[in-house]
N, C-alpha and C. Protein backbone atom coordinates (compact mmCIF):
# COMPACT_ATOMS: atom_id res chain seq x y z
N MET A 1 -31.26 10.41 35.22
CA MET A 1 -31.57 11.23 33.84
C MET A 1 -32.44 10.62 33.30
N SER A 2 -33.93 10.23 32.98
CA SER A 2 -34.13 9.04 31.89
C SER A 2 -33.64 9.05 30.78
N GLU A 3 -34.24 8.10 29.81
CA GLU A 3 -33.66 8.16 28.40
C GLU A 3 -34.67 9.33 27.78
N GLU A 4 -35.91 9.11 27.68
CA GLU A 4 -36.31 10.38 27.38
C GLU A 4 -35.41 11.39 26.96
N ILE A 5 -35.49 11.92 28.08
CA ILE A 5 -34.94 13.29 28.84
C ILE A 5 -33.49 13.51 27.85
N ARG A 6 -32.72 12.21 27.84
CA ARG A 6 -31.31 12.47 27.42
C ARG A 6 -31.28 12.41 26.08
N LYS A 7 -32.29 11.76 25.47
CA LYS A 7 -32.51 11.91 23.93
C LYS A 7 -32.82 13.16 23.31
N LYS A 8 -34.05 13.80 24.23
CA LYS A 8 -33.80 15.19 23.77
C LYS A 8 -32.91 16.14 24.02
N ALA A 9 -31.84 16.25 25.39
CA ALA A 9 -30.82 17.06 25.92
C ALA A 9 -29.65 16.57 24.19
N GLU A 10 -29.81 15.55 23.69
CA GLU A 10 -28.53 15.02 22.74
C GLU A 10 -29.22 15.61 21.49
N TYR A 11 -30.94 15.94 21.34
CA TYR A 11 -30.87 16.58 20.21
C TYR A 11 -31.02 17.68 20.01
N ARG A 12 -31.22 18.63 21.17
CA ARG A 12 -30.78 20.20 21.04
C ARG A 12 -29.41 20.54 21.18
N SER A 13 -28.48 19.65 21.98
CA SER A 13 -27.01 19.44 21.60
C SER A 13 -27.01 19.72 20.26
N SER A 14 -27.28 18.53 19.97
CA SER A 14 -27.14 18.03 18.30
C SER A 14 -27.36 19.35 16.61
N LEU A 15 -28.81 19.93 17.34
CA LEU A 15 -29.44 21.17 16.91
C LEU A 15 -28.24 22.04 16.64
N ARG A 16 -28.41 22.33 18.06
CA ARG A 16 -27.04 24.04 18.36
C ARG A 16 -25.84 23.46 17.52
N SER A 17 -25.48 22.45 17.81
CA SER A 17 -24.42 22.51 16.79
C SER A 17 -23.95 22.44 15.54
N LYS A 18 -25.02 21.93 14.43
CA LYS A 18 -25.47 21.90 13.48
C LYS A 18 -25.76 23.32 12.80
N THR A 19 -26.35 24.30 13.62
CA THR A 19 -26.81 25.63 13.39
C THR A 19 -25.24 26.57 13.82
N LEU A 20 -24.96 26.32 14.54
CA LEU A 20 -23.75 26.62 14.67
C LEU A 20 -22.55 26.60 13.79
N ILE A 21 -22.55 25.70 12.91
CA ILE A 21 -21.60 25.09 12.18
C ILE A 21 -22.00 25.69 10.71
N LYS A 22 -23.45 26.05 10.60
CA LYS A 22 -23.62 26.36 9.44
C LYS A 22 -23.54 28.21 9.50
N LYS A 23 -23.92 28.32 10.94
CA LYS A 23 -23.57 30.17 10.78
C LYS A 23 -22.37 30.47 10.54
N ALA A 24 -21.34 30.00 10.87
CA ALA A 24 -20.02 30.12 10.81
C ALA A 24 -19.44 29.76 9.73
N LEU A 25 -19.70 28.96 8.71
CA LEU A 25 -19.78 29.04 6.92
C LEU A 25 -20.75 30.13 6.46
N LEU A 26 -21.84 30.42 6.84
CA LEU A 26 -22.21 31.50 5.94
C LEU A 26 -21.20 33.05 6.32
N LYS A 27 -20.96 33.33 7.48
CA LYS A 27 -20.08 34.62 7.97
C LYS A 27 -18.78 34.47 7.56
N LEU A 28 -18.22 33.30 6.95
CA LEU A 28 -16.98 33.39 6.40
C LEU A 28 -17.42 33.36 5.16
N MET A 29 -18.50 33.22 4.19
CA MET A 29 -18.84 33.50 3.25
C MET A 29 -19.14 34.50 2.48
N LYS A 30 -18.87 35.47 3.91
CA LYS A 30 -19.16 36.88 3.75
C LYS A 30 -18.06 37.61 3.40
N GLU A 31 -16.73 36.78 3.86
CA GLU A 31 -15.36 37.46 3.80
C GLU A 31 -14.20 37.08 2.94
N LYS A 32 -14.58 35.88 2.21
CA LYS A 32 -14.07 35.17 0.96
C LYS A 32 -14.92 34.02 0.86
N SER A 33 -14.09 33.77 -0.41
CA SER A 33 -14.26 32.79 -1.66
C SER A 33 -15.21 31.78 -1.00
N PHE A 34 -15.95 30.50 -1.06
CA PHE A 34 -16.28 29.22 -0.58
C PHE A 34 -15.24 28.16 -0.65
N ASP A 35 -14.30 28.83 -1.58
CA ASP A 35 -13.37 27.34 -2.33
C ASP A 35 -12.33 27.39 -1.17
N SER A 36 -12.27 28.75 -0.90
CA SER A 36 -10.90 29.18 0.12
C SER A 36 -11.13 28.57 1.44
N ILE A 37 -12.65 28.49 2.18
CA ILE A 37 -12.49 28.44 3.77
C ILE A 37 -12.79 27.13 3.70
N THR A 38 -12.02 26.29 4.72
CA THR A 38 -11.37 25.37 5.53
C THR A 38 -11.97 24.73 6.56
N ILE A 39 -12.10 23.79 7.20
CA ILE A 39 -12.68 23.23 8.24
C ILE A 39 -12.20 23.67 9.14
N ALA A 40 -11.06 23.72 9.57
CA ALA A 40 -10.61 24.58 10.44
C ALA A 40 -10.62 25.97 10.87
N GLU A 41 -11.33 26.59 10.00
CA GLU A 41 -11.78 28.68 9.83
C GLU A 41 -13.18 28.00 10.38
N ILE A 42 -13.83 27.36 9.85
CA ILE A 42 -15.56 27.01 10.38
C ILE A 42 -15.21 26.51 11.89
N VAL A 43 -14.63 25.36 12.60
CA VAL A 43 -14.63 25.28 14.08
C VAL A 43 -13.94 26.27 14.65
N LYS A 44 -13.04 26.67 14.13
CA LYS A 44 -13.11 28.20 14.90
C LYS A 44 -13.81 29.42 15.44
N LYS A 45 -14.72 29.51 13.87
CA LYS A 45 -15.80 30.71 13.98
C LYS A 45 -16.66 30.56 15.01
N ALA A 46 -16.94 29.05 14.75
CA ALA A 46 -18.02 28.53 15.60
C ALA A 46 -17.77 28.05 16.98
N ASP A 47 -16.88 28.17 17.12
CA ASP A 47 -15.94 27.70 18.77
C ASP A 47 -16.48 26.23 19.04
N ILE A 48 -16.13 25.46 18.25
CA ILE A 48 -16.46 23.68 18.47
C ILE A 48 -15.20 23.32 18.57
N ASN A 49 -15.03 22.23 18.71
CA ASN A 49 -13.72 21.27 18.20
C ASN A 49 -14.15 19.87 17.18
N ARG A 50 -13.05 19.91 16.77
CA ARG A 50 -13.24 19.58 15.09
C ARG A 50 -14.07 18.36 15.28
N GLY A 51 -13.87 17.01 16.51
CA GLY A 51 -14.98 16.07 16.50
C GLY A 51 -15.99 16.42 16.37
N THR A 52 -16.95 17.60 16.77
CA THR A 52 -17.92 18.28 16.44
C THR A 52 -18.16 17.96 14.84
N PHE A 53 -17.48 18.78 14.25
CA PHE A 53 -17.65 19.37 13.13
C PHE A 53 -18.05 17.77 12.46
N TYR A 54 -16.92 16.59 12.99
CA TYR A 54 -16.92 15.62 11.73
C TYR A 54 -18.56 14.65 12.18
N ALA A 55 -18.78 15.10 13.65
CA ALA A 55 -19.71 14.27 14.04
C ALA A 55 -21.24 15.17 12.98
N HIS A 56 -21.45 15.77 12.12
CA HIS A 56 -22.44 16.28 11.86
C HIS A 56 -22.53 16.32 10.08
N PHE A 57 -21.45 16.71 9.85
CA PHE A 57 -20.43 16.58 8.39
C PHE A 57 -19.09 15.75 8.10
N HIS A 58 -18.96 16.12 6.39
CA HIS A 58 -17.58 15.63 5.74
C HIS A 58 -17.05 16.47 5.20
N SER A 59 -17.59 17.86 4.95
CA SER A 59 -16.84 18.56 4.57
C SER A 59 -17.73 19.93 4.16
N THR A 60 -16.60 20.92 3.98
CA THR A 60 -17.63 22.62 3.64
C THR A 60 -18.85 22.17 2.88
N ARG A 61 -18.28 21.59 1.70
CA ARG A 61 -19.56 21.41 0.62
C ARG A 61 -20.70 21.19 1.08
N GLU A 62 -20.36 19.31 1.92
CA GLU A 62 -22.02 19.33 2.97
C GLU A 62 -22.77 20.45 3.32
N VAL A 63 -22.08 20.88 4.00
CA VAL A 63 -22.59 22.20 4.95
C VAL A 63 -23.48 22.96 4.05
N LEU A 64 -22.67 23.32 3.12
CA LEU A 64 -23.22 24.64 2.63
C LEU A 64 -24.73 23.87 1.50
N GLU A 65 -24.81 22.49 0.77
CA GLU A 65 -25.77 21.75 0.44
C GLU A 65 -26.90 21.89 1.41
N LYS A 66 -26.15 21.51 2.58
CA LYS A 66 -27.47 21.38 3.92
C LYS A 66 -28.03 22.38 3.82
N ILE A 67 -27.93 23.56 3.96
CA ILE A 67 -28.00 25.05 3.97
C ILE A 67 -29.19 25.43 3.58
N GLN A 68 -28.56 24.91 1.94
CA GLN A 68 -29.26 25.27 0.68
C GLN A 68 -30.48 24.48 0.39
N ASP A 69 -30.45 22.73 0.99
CA ASP A 69 -31.53 22.47 0.67
C ASP A 69 -32.74 22.25 2.03
N ASP A 70 -31.71 22.96 3.04
CA ASP A 70 -33.04 22.96 3.85
C ASP A 70 -33.90 24.16 3.56
N MET A 71 -33.31 25.26 2.92
CA MET A 71 -34.42 26.35 2.51
C MET A 71 -35.15 25.41 1.68
N ILE A 72 -35.37 25.27 0.47
CA ILE A 72 -35.93 24.59 -0.48
C ILE A 72 -36.92 23.19 -0.01
N HIS A 73 -36.62 22.90 1.36
CA HIS A 73 -37.19 21.63 1.36
C HIS A 73 -38.54 22.21 2.82
N GLU A 74 -38.09 23.53 3.66
CA GLU A 74 -38.94 24.30 3.92
C GLU A 74 -39.64 25.10 3.45
N ILE A 75 -39.77 25.50 2.04
CA ILE A 75 -40.79 25.89 1.40
C ILE A 75 -41.32 24.91 0.62
N MET A 76 -41.32 23.86 0.29
CA MET A 76 -42.14 23.22 -0.80
C MET A 76 -42.76 22.31 0.21
N THR A 77 -42.50 21.95 1.88
CA THR A 77 -43.14 21.16 2.93
C THR A 77 -44.06 22.70 3.19
N ILE A 78 -44.38 24.06 2.88
CA ILE A 78 -44.82 24.59 3.61
C ILE A 78 -46.09 24.63 2.14
N LEU A 79 -45.62 24.61 1.28
CA LEU A 79 -46.74 24.84 0.20
C LEU A 79 -47.48 23.71 0.14
N GLU A 80 -46.89 22.36 0.48
CA GLU A 80 -47.48 21.20 0.53
C GLU A 80 -48.58 20.94 1.72
N LYS A 81 -48.48 22.00 2.34
CA LYS A 81 -49.54 21.60 3.84
C LYS A 81 -51.17 21.92 2.57
N TYR A 82 -51.16 22.65 1.87
CA TYR A 82 -52.35 23.50 1.13
C TYR A 82 -52.02 22.54 -0.32
N SER A 83 -53.96 22.96 -0.80
CA SER A 83 -53.57 22.29 -2.55
C SER A 83 -53.22 24.18 -3.17
N ALA A 84 -52.53 23.99 -4.20
CA ALA A 84 -52.41 24.87 -4.96
C ALA A 84 -53.78 25.89 -5.18
N ASP A 85 -54.81 25.33 -5.44
CA ASP A 85 -55.96 26.06 -5.17
C ASP A 85 -56.63 27.00 -4.23
N PHE A 86 -56.08 26.70 -3.13
CA PHE A 86 -56.16 27.02 -2.54
C PHE A 86 -55.22 28.24 -2.16
N ILE A 87 -53.89 28.18 -1.97
CA ILE A 87 -53.43 29.03 -1.67
C ILE A 87 -53.54 30.08 -2.81
N PHE A 88 -53.97 29.75 -4.14
CA PHE A 88 -54.96 31.29 -5.42
C PHE A 88 -55.48 31.99 -4.51
N GLU A 89 -56.50 31.47 -3.82
CA GLU A 89 -57.88 31.98 -2.71
C GLU A 89 -57.47 32.55 -1.64
N ASN A 90 -56.41 32.08 -0.90
CA ASN A 90 -56.48 32.37 0.20
C ASN A 90 -54.93 32.00 0.62
N PRO A 91 -53.64 33.00 0.07
CA PRO A 91 -52.34 32.65 0.03
C PRO A 91 -51.84 33.09 1.76
N ARG A 92 -52.68 33.73 2.70
CA ARG A 92 -51.96 34.16 3.66
C ARG A 92 -51.37 33.61 4.53
N PRO A 93 -52.27 31.81 5.05
CA PRO A 93 -51.40 31.33 5.88
C PRO A 93 -50.19 30.87 5.08
N VAL A 94 -49.99 30.80 4.04
CA VAL A 94 -48.45 30.35 2.91
C VAL A 94 -47.37 31.34 3.63
N PHE A 95 -47.84 32.56 3.41
CA PHE A 95 -47.27 33.60 3.86
C PHE A 95 -46.42 33.93 5.13
N GLN A 96 -48.15 33.82 5.68
CA GLN A 96 -47.16 33.60 7.65
C GLN A 96 -46.73 32.39 7.95
N ALA A 97 -46.42 31.71 7.07
CA ALA A 97 -46.04 30.42 7.65
C ALA A 97 -44.59 30.60 6.99
N ILE A 98 -44.26 31.63 5.72
CA ILE A 98 -42.37 31.80 5.51
C ILE A 98 -41.89 32.19 6.12
N THR A 99 -42.94 33.48 6.68
CA THR A 99 -42.68 34.38 8.02
C THR A 99 -42.18 33.96 9.38
N ASP A 100 -42.95 33.60 9.49
CA ASP A 100 -42.78 32.55 11.07
C ASP A 100 -41.08 32.14 10.47
N TYR A 101 -40.97 30.84 9.59
CA TYR A 101 -39.96 30.52 9.53
C TYR A 101 -38.54 31.05 9.39
N LEU A 102 -38.48 32.27 8.65
CA LEU A 102 -37.29 33.38 8.57
C LEU A 102 -37.18 34.09 9.67
N ALA A 103 -38.14 34.05 10.82
CA ALA A 103 -38.77 34.78 11.84
C ALA A 103 -37.51 34.27 12.64
N SER A 104 -37.87 33.11 13.11
CA SER A 104 -37.77 31.91 14.02
C SER A 104 -36.05 32.30 14.09
N ASP A 105 -34.96 32.89 13.31
CA ASP A 105 -34.04 33.13 13.77
C ASP A 105 -33.97 34.08 12.68
N ILE A 106 -33.88 35.13 12.56
CA ILE A 106 -33.82 36.29 11.65
C ILE A 106 -32.19 36.44 11.42
N GLU A 107 -31.24 36.03 12.74
CA GLU A 107 -30.31 36.65 11.86
C GLU A 107 -29.35 35.47 11.22
N TYR A 108 -29.96 33.95 11.40
CA TYR A 108 -29.65 33.30 10.03
C TYR A 108 -30.01 33.63 8.94
N ALA A 109 -31.35 34.01 8.88
CA ALA A 109 -31.95 34.65 7.70
C ALA A 109 -31.28 35.06 7.07
N ARG A 110 -30.69 36.62 7.52
CA ARG A 110 -29.87 37.63 7.28
C ARG A 110 -28.47 36.89 6.57
N LEU A 111 -27.61 35.94 7.11
CA LEU A 111 -26.40 35.70 7.21
C LEU A 111 -26.59 34.79 5.43
N LEU A 112 -27.66 34.14 5.00
CA LEU A 112 -28.14 33.17 4.17
C LEU A 112 -28.40 34.29 3.13
N PHE A 113 -29.63 34.75 3.01
CA PHE A 113 -29.46 35.94 2.06
C PHE A 113 -28.29 37.03 1.26
N GLN A 114 -27.62 37.08 2.29
CA GLN A 114 -26.44 37.95 1.86
C GLN A 114 -25.21 37.09 1.33
N VAL A 115 -25.00 36.12 1.26
CA VAL A 115 -24.58 35.08 0.31
C VAL A 115 -24.33 35.47 -1.19
N SER A 116 -23.14 35.57 -1.84
CA SER A 116 -23.69 35.37 -3.19
C SER A 116 -24.05 34.14 -4.00
N GLY A 117 -24.93 34.11 -4.62
CA GLY A 117 -25.30 33.37 -5.51
C GLY A 117 -26.59 32.18 -4.85
N PHE A 118 -26.99 32.66 -3.85
CA PHE A 118 -28.15 32.08 -3.20
C PHE A 118 -29.74 31.91 -3.55
N ALA A 119 -29.67 33.58 -4.44
CA ALA A 119 -31.18 34.23 -4.95
C ALA A 119 -30.64 32.64 -6.34
N GLU A 120 -29.52 32.60 -7.27
CA GLU A 120 -29.81 31.44 -8.11
C GLU A 120 -29.92 30.38 -7.81
N TYR A 121 -29.65 30.33 -6.18
CA TYR A 121 -29.79 29.00 -5.95
C TYR A 121 -31.22 28.53 -6.38
N ILE A 122 -31.68 29.42 -5.37
CA ILE A 122 -33.19 29.20 -5.54
C ILE A 122 -33.83 29.53 -6.69
N GLY A 123 -34.15 30.23 -7.46
CA GLY A 123 -34.34 30.23 -8.86
C GLY A 123 -34.05 28.72 -10.08
N ASN A 124 -32.80 28.05 -8.80
CA ASN A 124 -32.48 26.97 -9.76
C ASN A 124 -33.79 25.24 -9.66
N HIS A 125 -34.43 25.88 -8.75
CA HIS A 125 -35.53 25.36 -7.90
C HIS A 125 -36.73 25.55 -8.10
N LYS A 126 -36.84 26.50 -9.20
CA LYS A 126 -38.15 26.75 -9.48
C LYS A 126 -39.21 26.31 -10.33
N SER A 127 -38.48 25.25 -10.94
CA SER A 127 -39.60 24.11 -11.46
C SER A 127 -40.75 22.90 -10.82
N ALA A 128 -39.79 23.05 -9.50
CA ALA A 128 -40.97 21.92 -9.12
C ALA A 128 -41.69 23.17 -8.27
N ILE A 129 -41.95 24.09 -8.11
CA ILE A 129 -42.90 24.97 -7.48
C ILE A 129 -44.01 25.25 -8.91
N PHE A 130 -43.18 25.69 -9.75
CA PHE A 130 -43.92 25.91 -11.13
C PHE A 130 -45.02 24.29 -11.62
N SER A 131 -44.72 23.11 -10.94
CA SER A 131 -44.99 21.71 -11.13
C SER A 131 -46.03 21.83 -10.28
N PHE A 132 -45.91 22.55 -8.89
CA PHE A 132 -46.87 22.23 -7.53
C PHE A 132 -48.40 23.06 -8.45
N PHE A 133 -48.03 24.25 -9.12
CA PHE A 133 -49.12 25.36 -9.30
C PHE A 133 -49.73 24.80 -10.83
N LEU A 134 -49.11 24.22 -11.63
CA LEU A 134 -49.89 23.89 -12.75
C LEU A 134 -50.90 22.90 -12.43
N HIS A 135 -50.80 22.10 -11.48
CA HIS A 135 -52.16 21.36 -10.96
C HIS A 135 -53.08 21.89 -10.22
N SER A 136 -53.03 23.18 -10.38
CA SER A 136 -54.49 24.09 -9.89
C SER A 136 -55.30 23.99 -10.87
N THR A 137 -56.73 24.22 -10.60
CA THR A 137 -57.82 24.64 -11.19
C THR A 137 -56.91 25.52 -12.82
N TYR A 138 -56.54 26.66 -12.26
CA TYR A 138 -56.03 27.98 -13.49
C TYR A 138 -54.78 27.13 -14.37
N GLY A 139 -54.27 26.64 -13.51
CA GLY A 139 -53.04 25.58 -14.57
C GLY A 139 -53.69 24.74 -15.55
N ARG A 140 -54.37 23.73 -15.22
CA ARG A 140 -55.18 22.57 -16.00
C ARG A 140 -55.86 23.94 -16.77
N ARG A 141 -56.55 24.79 -16.55
CA ARG A 141 -57.61 25.46 -18.04
C ARG A 141 -56.30 26.02 -19.26
N PHE A 142 -55.01 26.31 -18.09
CA PHE A 142 -54.28 27.21 -18.81
C PHE A 142 -53.24 25.59 -20.26
N ILE A 143 -53.48 24.98 -19.35
CA ILE A 143 -52.68 23.86 -19.98
C ILE A 143 -53.56 23.36 -21.03
N ARG A 144 -55.15 22.89 -20.75
CA ARG A 144 -55.87 22.53 -21.47
C ARG A 144 -56.03 24.16 -23.32
N ASP A 145 -56.05 25.02 -22.98
CA ASP A 145 -55.82 25.69 -23.71
C ASP A 145 -54.76 25.95 -24.84
N GLY A 146 -53.33 24.77 -24.36
CA GLY A 146 -52.36 25.49 -24.60
C GLY A 146 -51.77 26.26 -24.48
N ARG A 147 -52.17 27.20 -23.49
CA ARG A 147 -51.03 28.32 -23.14
C ARG A 147 -49.95 27.89 -21.82
N GLU A 148 -49.72 26.70 -21.79
CA GLU A 148 -48.98 26.34 -19.98
C GLU A 148 -47.87 27.31 -20.08
N LYS A 149 -47.02 28.00 -21.06
CA LYS A 149 -45.65 28.81 -20.66
C LYS A 149 -46.11 30.24 -20.50
N GLU A 150 -47.66 30.56 -20.87
CA GLU A 150 -48.16 31.74 -20.43
C GLU A 150 -48.56 31.79 -18.98
N PHE A 151 -49.08 30.49 -18.61
CA PHE A 151 -49.15 30.29 -17.07
C PHE A 151 -47.90 30.32 -16.56
N ILE A 152 -47.11 30.09 -16.55
CA ILE A 152 -45.82 29.83 -16.07
C ILE A 152 -44.64 31.04 -15.63
N LEU A 153 -45.44 31.93 -17.44
CA LEU A 153 -44.64 33.49 -17.24
C LEU A 153 -45.44 34.03 -16.00
N VAL A 154 -46.31 33.93 -15.81
CA VAL A 154 -46.83 34.46 -14.89
C VAL A 154 -46.78 34.55 -13.52
N VAL A 155 -46.80 32.88 -13.19
CA VAL A 155 -45.97 32.58 -12.13
C VAL A 155 -44.52 32.90 -11.72
N ASP A 156 -44.14 32.71 -12.72
CA ASP A 156 -42.80 33.59 -12.40
C ASP A 156 -42.72 34.49 -11.87
N PHE A 157 -43.17 35.39 -12.60
CA PHE A 157 -43.45 36.99 -12.05
C PHE A 157 -43.86 37.13 -10.75
N TRP A 158 -44.76 36.28 -10.37
CA TRP A 158 -45.37 36.19 -9.01
C TRP A 158 -44.07 35.89 -8.20
N MET A 159 -44.21 34.83 -8.27
CA MET A 159 -42.79 34.44 -6.90
C MET A 159 -41.35 34.97 -7.33
N SER A 160 -41.07 35.93 -8.35
CA SER A 160 -40.05 36.42 -8.38
C SER A 160 -39.97 37.46 -7.66
N ALA A 161 -41.58 38.30 -7.53
CA ALA A 161 -41.75 39.59 -6.58
C ALA A 161 -41.87 39.31 -5.29
N ILE A 162 -42.17 37.99 -5.16
CA ILE A 162 -42.34 37.42 -3.94
C ILE A 162 -41.44 37.25 -3.14
N ILE A 163 -40.06 36.59 -3.70
CA ILE A 163 -39.11 36.58 -3.17
C ILE A 163 -38.43 37.89 -3.09
N ASP A 164 -38.61 38.75 -4.14
CA ASP A 164 -37.53 39.79 -4.04
C ASP A 164 -38.19 40.57 -2.81
N VAL A 165 -39.63 40.68 -2.28
CA VAL A 165 -39.95 41.69 -1.49
C VAL A 165 -39.51 41.04 0.04
N TYR A 166 -39.20 39.19 0.19
CA TYR A 166 -38.74 38.90 1.70
C TYR A 166 -37.04 39.35 1.45
N TYR A 167 -36.49 38.86 0.68
CA TYR A 167 -35.31 39.52 0.64
C TYR A 167 -35.09 40.90 1.24
N ASP A 168 -35.94 41.81 0.52
CA ASP A 168 -34.94 42.62 1.06
C ASP A 168 -36.02 43.25 2.41
N ALA A 169 -36.88 42.84 2.62
CA ALA A 169 -37.36 42.58 4.16
C ALA A 169 -36.72 42.68 4.77
N VAL A 170 -35.97 41.18 5.18
CA VAL A 170 -34.91 40.19 6.13
C VAL A 170 -33.45 41.28 6.23
N LEU A 171 -33.27 41.88 4.71
CA LEU A 171 -31.82 42.48 4.61
C LEU A 171 -32.58 43.95 5.41
N GLU A 172 -33.63 44.65 5.60
CA GLU A 172 -33.97 45.77 5.72
C GLU A 172 -33.63 46.90 5.03
N ARG A 173 -33.76 47.02 3.63
CA ARG A 173 -33.96 47.57 2.98
C ARG A 173 -34.72 48.61 2.10
N VAL A 174 -35.99 47.71 2.92
CA VAL A 174 -37.10 48.36 2.52
C VAL A 174 -37.93 49.21 4.17
N PRO A 175 -39.17 49.99 3.80
CA PRO A 175 -39.65 50.84 4.70
C PRO A 175 -40.63 50.01 5.75
N PHE A 176 -40.43 48.62 5.45
CA PHE A 176 -41.46 47.58 6.41
C PHE A 176 -41.01 46.73 6.62
N SER A 177 -40.98 45.66 7.92
CA SER A 177 -40.69 44.50 8.28
C SER A 177 -41.33 43.57 7.37
N ILE A 178 -40.21 42.35 7.81
CA ILE A 178 -40.79 40.76 7.72
C ILE A 178 -42.21 40.76 8.14
N TYR A 179 -42.30 40.99 9.59
CA TYR A 179 -43.73 40.73 9.92
C TYR A 179 -45.20 41.23 9.00
N GLU A 180 -44.80 42.57 8.66
CA GLU A 180 -45.73 43.21 7.37
C GLU A 180 -46.81 42.48 6.32
N LEU A 181 -45.17 41.75 6.39
CA LEU A 181 -45.07 40.98 4.69
C LEU A 181 -46.51 40.38 4.43
N PRO A 182 -46.96 39.52 5.66
CA PRO A 182 -47.93 38.26 4.80
C PRO A 182 -49.42 39.16 4.25
N SER A 183 -49.14 40.41 5.02
CA SER A 183 -50.89 41.15 4.54
C SER A 183 -50.06 42.16 3.31
N LEU A 184 -49.45 42.14 3.24
CA LEU A 184 -48.86 42.78 2.14
C LEU A 184 -48.62 42.16 0.73
N CYS A 185 -48.16 41.15 1.13
CA CYS A 185 -47.62 40.24 -0.26
C CYS A 185 -49.79 39.53 -0.18
N CYS A 186 -50.91 39.56 0.03
CA CYS A 186 -51.70 39.01 -0.09
C CYS A 186 -51.98 39.93 -1.23
N GLY A 187 -51.69 40.82 -0.84
CA GLY A 187 -52.53 42.28 -2.39
C GLY A 187 -51.58 41.58 -3.73
N ILE A 188 -50.12 41.44 -3.73
CA ILE A 188 -49.68 41.10 -4.58
C ILE A 188 -50.49 39.83 -5.13
N ALA A 189 -50.69 38.33 -4.57
CA ALA A 189 -51.56 37.34 -5.16
C ALA A 189 -52.73 38.19 -5.31
N ASP A 190 -53.28 39.02 -4.62
CA ASP A 190 -54.75 38.99 -5.14
C ASP A 190 -54.56 39.78 -6.59
N PHE A 191 -53.40 40.40 -6.81
CA PHE A 191 -53.75 41.24 -7.70
C PHE A 191 -53.44 40.05 -9.03
N THR A 192 -52.37 39.37 -8.47
CA THR A 192 -51.91 38.17 -10.01
C THR A 192 -53.10 37.72 -10.19
N ARG A 193 -54.05 37.23 -9.02
CA ARG A 193 -55.05 36.08 -9.30
C ARG A 193 -56.22 37.18 -10.29
N LEU A 194 -56.60 38.21 -9.79
CA LEU A 194 -58.12 38.72 -10.39
C LEU A 194 -57.12 39.58 -11.74
N THR A 195 -56.26 40.21 -11.82
CA THR A 195 -56.13 41.29 -12.85
C THR A 195 -55.31 40.48 -14.28
N TRP A 196 -54.14 38.88 -13.76
CA TRP A 196 -53.93 38.08 -14.67
C TRP A 196 -54.97 37.11 -15.51
N PHE A 197 -55.05 35.91 -13.72
CA PHE A 197 -55.46 35.06 -14.20
C PHE A 197 -56.80 35.00 -14.58
N GLU A 198 -57.97 35.83 -13.66
CA GLU A 198 -59.36 35.80 -13.88
C GLU A 198 -59.32 36.65 -15.50
N LYS A 199 -59.24 37.89 -15.89
CA LYS A 199 -58.95 38.97 -16.42
C LYS A 199 -58.89 38.00 -18.24
N LEU A 200 -57.40 37.17 -18.06
CA LEU A 200 -57.01 36.73 -19.48
C LEU A 200 -58.35 35.50 -19.28
N LEU A 201 -58.58 34.84 -18.17
CA LEU A 201 -59.82 33.72 -18.91
C LEU A 201 -60.84 33.95 -18.95
N SER A 202 -61.11 35.56 -18.51
CA SER A 202 -62.48 36.14 -18.90
C SER A 202 -62.33 36.44 -20.33
N LEU A 203 -61.45 36.69 -21.08
CA LEU A 203 -61.35 37.73 -22.13
C LEU A 203 -61.24 36.37 -23.17
N ASP A 204 -61.12 35.39 -23.02
CA ASP A 204 -60.91 34.28 -23.66
C ASP A 204 -62.36 33.69 -23.79
N ASN A 205 -63.16 33.44 -22.28
CA ASN A 205 -64.27 33.56 -23.23
C ASN A 205 -65.23 34.19 -23.34
N ALA A 206 -65.27 35.82 -23.65
CA ALA A 206 -65.97 36.39 -23.66
C ALA A 206 -65.71 36.52 -25.41
N ALA A 207 -64.21 36.00 -26.10
CA ALA A 207 -64.22 36.22 -27.51
C ALA A 207 -64.77 34.40 -28.08
N ALA A 208 -64.61 33.73 -27.49
CA ALA A 208 -65.40 32.74 -27.36
C ALA A 208 -66.76 32.59 -27.90
N GLU A 209 -67.77 33.63 -26.79
CA GLU A 209 -69.03 33.45 -26.91
C GLU A 209 -69.68 33.67 -28.41
N PRO A 210 -69.65 34.48 -29.16
CA PRO A 210 -69.83 34.91 -30.54
C PRO A 210 -70.06 33.28 -31.78
N GLU A 211 -68.62 32.68 -31.27
CA GLU A 211 -68.63 30.94 -31.82
C GLU A 211 -70.04 30.33 -31.69
N LYS A 212 -70.50 30.59 -30.50
CA LYS A 212 -71.09 29.60 -30.47
C LYS A 212 -72.57 29.86 -30.51
N HIS A 213 -72.99 31.28 -31.02
CA HIS A 213 -74.15 31.81 -31.63
C HIS A 213 -74.12 31.68 -33.21
N ASN A 214 -72.99 31.24 -33.36
CA ASN A 214 -72.91 31.39 -35.43
C ASN A 214 -73.24 29.70 -35.74
């Protein structure tokens, strides 16, 4: 076996072990409180040995933090592939990338979304996303007019709606699948842009017109 093939095999094995550990913890968190879960229970649920666990993690807390951080990191990585302006004008690639990420292991996504407190964890990281969108043309215009809070309120409303839609689709609480979300969510995004941002800015410009003629 060549060195390259060996390394690829080790990487796949490591990735599989980490996934088994994370899934085991999520399954246990559906059954009992996080603080009462032991490494022994995770190892048993994942059907691995204790050495394999310690090869990747030091504690149950580290596993949970990795699960949470992976999701936030993936979302930010997807967003940062595009400019904020591009996303406002053409959000479909972002929705498609998020859908593909969740659909790549839908069982894992369902386990994750069922864990109590995960939605709140995502909410605690919204500030990074607000900062990203504040650098858009819309964001700068609202900031220029002293209306940063209004802009953040609209983005928060928009983000919360999208997050809830993905949660419901992944958990099959609604009559449409996760695979339909890129098209459906584009409608929500366009509504936000055209009805709120464009309308608010055009109303401001219209109100300012008489002053120019005085």
